[in-house]
Amino acid sequence: MSVETKSAGTRLVPFGEELWVADGPVCSFYSFPYPTRMAVMRLASGDLFVWSPVRLDAALRAEVDALGPVTHLVEPNALPPLFLPDWIAAYPAARTYAPPDLKKKRKDIRFDAELGDAPEPGWVGEIEQIVLKGSVMLTEIFFFHYKSRTALICDSIQSFPRNWFKGWRGFLARLDGIVQPDIGAPREWRLSFFNRKAARTAVERLLALAPERVVLCHGDMAAGNGAELIRRGFAWLLR
């Protein structure tokens, strides 16, 4: 996989109670332009939980530092973590968490723990986590922030506007089922779910939490009716 980054501004924007999001650079993923997005949640202790970190520059770091101490750095799946090493260098006291399979793939990155279905002690009772199992290609972890009623989903739902991809890329993206109104995981990833019962159980657990908002790494988020976006994104699995 070849990934090249293009510059973009970053700015923290409130998206719910004690939750902020920031857009990072657009990345070239096999020549397809992919936007990036991170989320920051402030825990009751004042510590910050940083999900799917984007490129760290001086402006973003200043805004993050104004919210509190960065204590948890979290990657939600095993796709290449482009920007995590810079965050580890900037915040060496923070604990770094890997999803299943990433720790053994990236021995060059310091990971302090591997995530599973049980929330870590540092955020238990404030952030839920659910492992999306069943795929032979990639395992992802859903997170749910109780205070803001927000679900955080990295790659398993992609919701691009119809004009995001141009030319033949737009044609292939529509075939892949990641362009509105047909949103979700790329079709090749859907086909990799040999154990759909396990995957369906994870999605149903997330829906049972009644999310009102949804943060996506790739595409339009939902500031309301979050559960409906999740049902649409996983219609291929739930039906």
Protein backbone atom coordinates (compact mmCIF):
# COMPACT_ATOMS: atom_id res chain seq x y z
CA MET A 1 0.00 0.00 0.00
CA SER A 2 1.30 3.40 -0.97
CA VAL A 3 0.15 6.46 0.92
CA GLU A 4 1.17 10.02 0.19
CA THR A 5 -0.12 13.00 2.14
CA LYS A 6 -1.21 16.41 0.94
CA SER A 7 -1.25 19.41 3.19
CA ALA A 8 -4.46 20.59 4.87
CA GLY A 9 -5.32 22.78 7.79
CA THR A 10 -6.27 21.32 11.15
CA ARG A 11 -8.57 22.88 13.73
CA LEU A 12 -10.41 21.42 16.69
CA VAL A 13 -14.18 21.88 16.46
CA PRO A 14 -16.65 21.00 19.24
CA PHE A 15 -18.91 18.13 18.22
CA GLY A 16 -20.59 17.26 21.51
CA GLU A 17 -20.13 17.61 25.24
CA GLU A 18 -16.42 17.14 26.00
CA LEU A 19 -15.74 15.98 22.43
CA TRP A 20 -13.90 17.76 19.61
CA VAL A 21 -12.97 16.75 16.07
CA ALA A 22 -10.21 17.93 13.73
CA ASP A 23 -9.77 17.28 10.03
CA GLY A 24 -6.28 16.36 8.90
CA PRO A 25 -4.65 16.16 5.48
CA VAL A 26 -6.14 14.42 2.48
CA CYS A 27 -4.14 11.25 1.81
CA SER A 28 -3.65 9.38 -1.43
CA PHE A 29 -4.68 5.76 -0.90
CA TYR A 30 -3.95 3.83 -4.10
CA SER A 31 -4.45 7.19 -5.88
CA PHE A 32 -7.86 7.75 -4.23
CA PRO A 33 -8.03 10.96 -2.15
CA TYR A 34 -9.02 10.09 1.40
CA PRO A 35 -9.72 12.75 4.02
CA THR A 36 -8.60 12.09 7.58
CA ARG A 37 -10.28 13.02 10.85
CA MET A 38 -9.52 12.59 14.54
CA ALA A 39 -11.50 13.05 17.74
CA VAL A 40 -10.50 14.20 21.20
CA MET A 41 -12.54 13.38 24.29
CA ARG A 42 -11.91 14.94 27.68
CA LEU A 43 -12.47 12.49 30.51
CA ALA A 44 -13.80 13.32 33.97
CA SER A 45 -10.21 13.34 35.24
CA GLY A 46 -9.35 16.06 32.73
CA ASP A 47 -7.18 13.64 30.73
CA LEU A 48 -7.54 13.55 26.95
CA PHE A 49 -8.38 10.48 24.86
CA VAL A 50 -7.12 11.01 21.29
CA TRP A 51 -8.74 8.76 18.66
CA SER A 52 -7.23 8.18 15.21
CA PRO A 53 -4.64 10.99 15.39
CA VAL A 54 -4.16 13.16 12.30
CA ARG A 55 -1.02 15.08 11.38
CA LEU A 56 0.25 17.03 14.37
CA ASP A 57 1.37 20.58 13.68
CA ALA A 58 2.08 23.45 16.05
CA ALA A 59 -1.40 24.96 15.74
CA LEU A 60 -3.21 21.70 16.44
CA ARG A 61 -0.88 20.88 19.32
CA ALA A 62 -1.57 24.24 20.94
CA GLU A 63 -5.33 23.67 20.72
CA VAL A 64 -5.05 20.15 22.11
CA ASP A 65 -2.79 21.27 24.97
CA ALA A 66 -5.33 23.95 25.90
CA LEU A 67 -7.91 21.21 26.56
CA GLY A 68 -5.79 19.16 28.96
CA PRO A 69 -3.02 16.56 29.15
CA VAL A 70 -2.87 13.95 26.38
CA THR A 71 -2.99 10.65 28.26
CA HIS A 72 -4.39 8.09 25.77
CA LEU A 73 -3.45 7.70 22.08
CA VAL A 74 -5.74 5.23 20.33
CA GLU A 75 -5.68 3.66 16.85
CA PRO A 76 -9.01 2.02 15.89
CA ASN A 77 -7.78 -0.53 13.31
CA ALA A 78 -4.63 -2.01 11.81
CA LEU A 79 -4.39 0.13 8.70
CA PRO A 80 -1.09 2.05 8.62
CA PRO A 81 -1.04 4.67 11.40
CA LEU A 82 0.41 7.55 9.40
CA PHE A 83 0.69 10.15 12.14
CA LEU A 84 0.82 8.23 15.44
CA PRO A 85 4.65 8.24 15.77
CA ASP A 86 4.69 12.05 15.83
CA TRP A 87 2.12 12.08 18.63
CA ILE A 88 4.13 9.55 20.63
CA ALA A 89 7.22 11.74 20.24
CA ALA A 90 5.27 14.84 21.29
CA TYR A 91 3.56 13.14 24.24
CA PRO A 92 5.97 10.47 25.54
CA ALA A 93 4.06 10.10 28.83
CA ALA A 94 0.82 9.14 27.05
CA ARG A 95 -0.16 5.49 26.83
CA THR A 96 -0.54 4.15 23.29
CA TYR A 97 -3.17 1.54 22.39
CA ALA A 98 -3.23 -0.83 19.44
CA PRO A 99 -6.20 -2.67 17.95
CA PRO A 100 -5.80 -6.41 17.28
CA ASP A 101 -2.96 -7.23 14.82
CA LEU A 102 -1.39 -3.76 14.67
CA LYS A 103 1.14 -4.30 17.45
CA LYS A 104 2.76 -7.26 15.73
CA LYS A 105 2.67 -5.53 12.33
CA ARG A 106 4.32 -2.34 13.55
CA LYS A 107 7.09 -3.30 15.92
CA ASP A 108 8.68 0.09 15.18
CA ILE A 109 5.89 1.81 17.15
CA ARG A 110 5.66 1.68 20.93
CA PHE A 111 2.30 0.27 22.02
CA ASP A 112 1.54 -0.06 25.71
CA ALA A 113 -1.60 -2.20 25.39
CA GLU A 114 -3.74 -4.08 22.88
CA LEU A 115 -7.44 -3.28 22.89
CA GLY A 116 -10.28 -5.77 23.21
CA ASP A 117 -13.98 -5.70 24.05
CA ALA A 118 -13.49 -4.48 27.62
CA PRO A 119 -12.82 -0.76 28.12
CA GLU A 120 -9.42 0.10 29.55
CA PRO A 121 -9.28 1.24 33.21
CA GLY A 122 -8.40 4.77 32.10
CA TRP A 123 -11.79 5.32 30.45
CA VAL A 124 -14.10 2.62 31.82
CA GLY A 125 -17.61 4.02 32.40
CA GLU A 126 -16.97 6.96 30.08
CA ILE A 127 -16.08 5.36 26.74
CA GLU A 128 -17.36 1.98 25.57
CA GLN A 129 -15.47 -0.12 23.05
CA ILE A 130 -16.72 -2.93 20.84
CA VAL A 131 -14.58 -5.09 18.55
CA LEU A 132 -16.00 -5.50 15.04
CA LYS A 133 -14.97 -9.10 14.38
CA GLY A 134 -15.65 -11.51 11.55
CA SER A 135 -13.44 -10.19 8.75
CA VAL A 136 -10.34 -12.02 7.52
CA MET A 137 -8.97 -8.70 6.22
CA LEU A 138 -9.29 -6.22 9.05
CA THR A 139 -10.62 -5.91 12.59
CA GLU A 140 -11.88 -2.55 13.80
CA ILE A 141 -12.88 -1.22 17.18
CA PHE A 142 -15.97 0.92 17.64
CA PHE A 143 -15.93 3.48 20.44
CA PHE A 144 -18.89 5.16 22.09
CA HIS A 145 -18.54 8.30 24.19
CA TYR A 146 -21.32 8.30 26.76
CA LYS A 147 -21.33 11.99 27.65
CA SER A 148 -21.84 13.19 24.07
CA ARG A 149 -23.76 10.06 22.93
CA THR A 150 -21.29 9.74 20.04
CA ALA A 151 -20.14 6.65 18.14
CA LEU A 152 -16.69 6.75 16.56
CA ILE A 153 -16.21 4.64 13.42
CA CYS A 154 -13.02 4.61 11.37
CA ASP A 155 -13.17 2.66 8.09
CA SER A 156 -16.17 0.35 8.36
CA ILE A 157 -18.51 3.16 7.32
CA GLN A 158 -17.39 5.57 4.60
CA SER A 159 -19.84 8.28 3.54
CA PHE A 160 -18.45 10.39 0.73
CA PRO A 161 -20.41 13.13 -1.06
CA ARG A 162 -21.19 12.21 -4.66
CA ASN A 163 -18.72 14.73 -6.07
CA TRP A 164 -15.78 13.83 -3.82
CA PHE A 165 -14.13 11.41 -6.27
CA LYS A 166 -13.67 12.49 -9.87
CA GLY A 167 -13.68 10.60 -13.17
CA TRP A 168 -12.98 6.88 -13.12
CA ARG A 169 -12.29 7.06 -9.38
CA GLY A 170 -15.82 8.29 -8.83
CA PHE A 171 -17.19 5.42 -10.92
CA LEU A 172 -15.22 2.83 -8.93
CA ALA A 173 -16.11 4.44 -5.60
CA ARG A 174 -19.80 4.25 -6.45
CA LEU A 175 -19.39 0.58 -7.38
CA ASP A 176 -17.58 0.07 -4.09
CA GLY A 177 -20.57 1.37 -2.16
CA ILE A 178 -18.87 4.24 -0.33
CA VAL A 179 -20.54 7.21 -2.06
CA GLN A 180 -23.84 8.67 -0.85
CA PRO A 181 -26.53 7.50 -0.73
CA ASP A 182 -24.96 4.00 -0.80
CA ILE A 183 -22.58 4.29 2.16
CA GLY A 184 -20.67 1.69 4.13
CA ALA A 185 -17.47 -0.32 3.97
CA PRO A 186 -15.89 -0.94 0.55
CA ARG A 187 -17.41 -4.02 -1.07
CA GLU A 188 -14.17 -6.00 -0.92
CA TRP A 189 -14.11 -5.54 2.83
CA ARG A 190 -17.76 -6.57 3.10
CA LEU A 191 -16.92 -9.79 1.25
CA SER A 192 -14.16 -10.53 3.77
CA PHE A 193 -16.67 -10.99 6.61
CA PHE A 194 -16.89 -14.77 6.69
CA ASN A 195 -18.36 -14.67 10.20
CA ARG A 196 -21.22 -12.25 9.71
CA LYS A 197 -22.93 -13.30 12.91
CA ALA A 198 -20.01 -12.01 14.98
CA ALA A 199 -19.95 -8.74 13.02
CA ARG A 200 -23.71 -8.30 13.31
CA THR A 201 -23.52 -8.80 17.07
CA ALA A 202 -20.97 -5.99 17.34
CA VAL A 203 -23.09 -3.58 15.28
CA GLU A 204 -26.19 -4.45 17.27
CA ARG A 205 -24.30 -3.78 20.52
CA LEU A 206 -23.33 -0.35 19.21
CA LEU A 207 -26.91 0.42 18.14
CA ALA A 208 -28.18 -0.66 21.57
CA LEU A 209 -26.24 2.28 23.04
CA ALA A 210 -28.55 4.62 21.05
CA PRO A 211 -25.88 6.89 19.52
CA GLU A 212 -27.09 10.36 18.63
CA ARG A 213 -23.95 11.45 16.78
CA VAL A 214 -21.41 9.63 14.64
CA VAL A 215 -17.82 10.64 13.94
CA LEU A 216 -16.39 9.10 10.76
CA CYS A 217 -12.79 9.29 9.61
CA HIS A 218 -13.83 9.31 5.96
CA GLY A 219 -16.82 11.33 4.84
CA ASP A 220 -19.76 13.20 6.29
CA MET A 221 -20.51 12.81 9.99
CA ALA A 222 -23.90 12.77 11.70
CA ALA A 223 -24.71 15.48 14.26
CA GLY A 224 -28.10 13.82 14.84
CA ASN A 225 -29.91 10.56 14.03
CA GLY A 226 -26.63 8.73 14.50
CA ALA A 227 -28.24 5.33 14.84
CA GLU A 228 -29.88 5.77 11.43
CA LEU A 229 -26.51 6.48 9.78
CA ILE A 230 -25.11 3.31 11.34
CA ARG A 231 -28.07 1.25 10.12
CA ARG A 232 -27.60 2.63 6.61
CA GLY A 233 -23.86 2.00 6.69
CA PHE A 234 -24.34 -1.58 7.80
CA ALA A 235 -27.48 -2.37 5.81
CA TRP A 236 -25.45 -4.98 3.92
CA LEU A 237 -24.83 -6.77 7.22
CA LEU A 238 -28.06 -6.20 9.14
CA ARG A 239 -30.57 -7.18 6.47
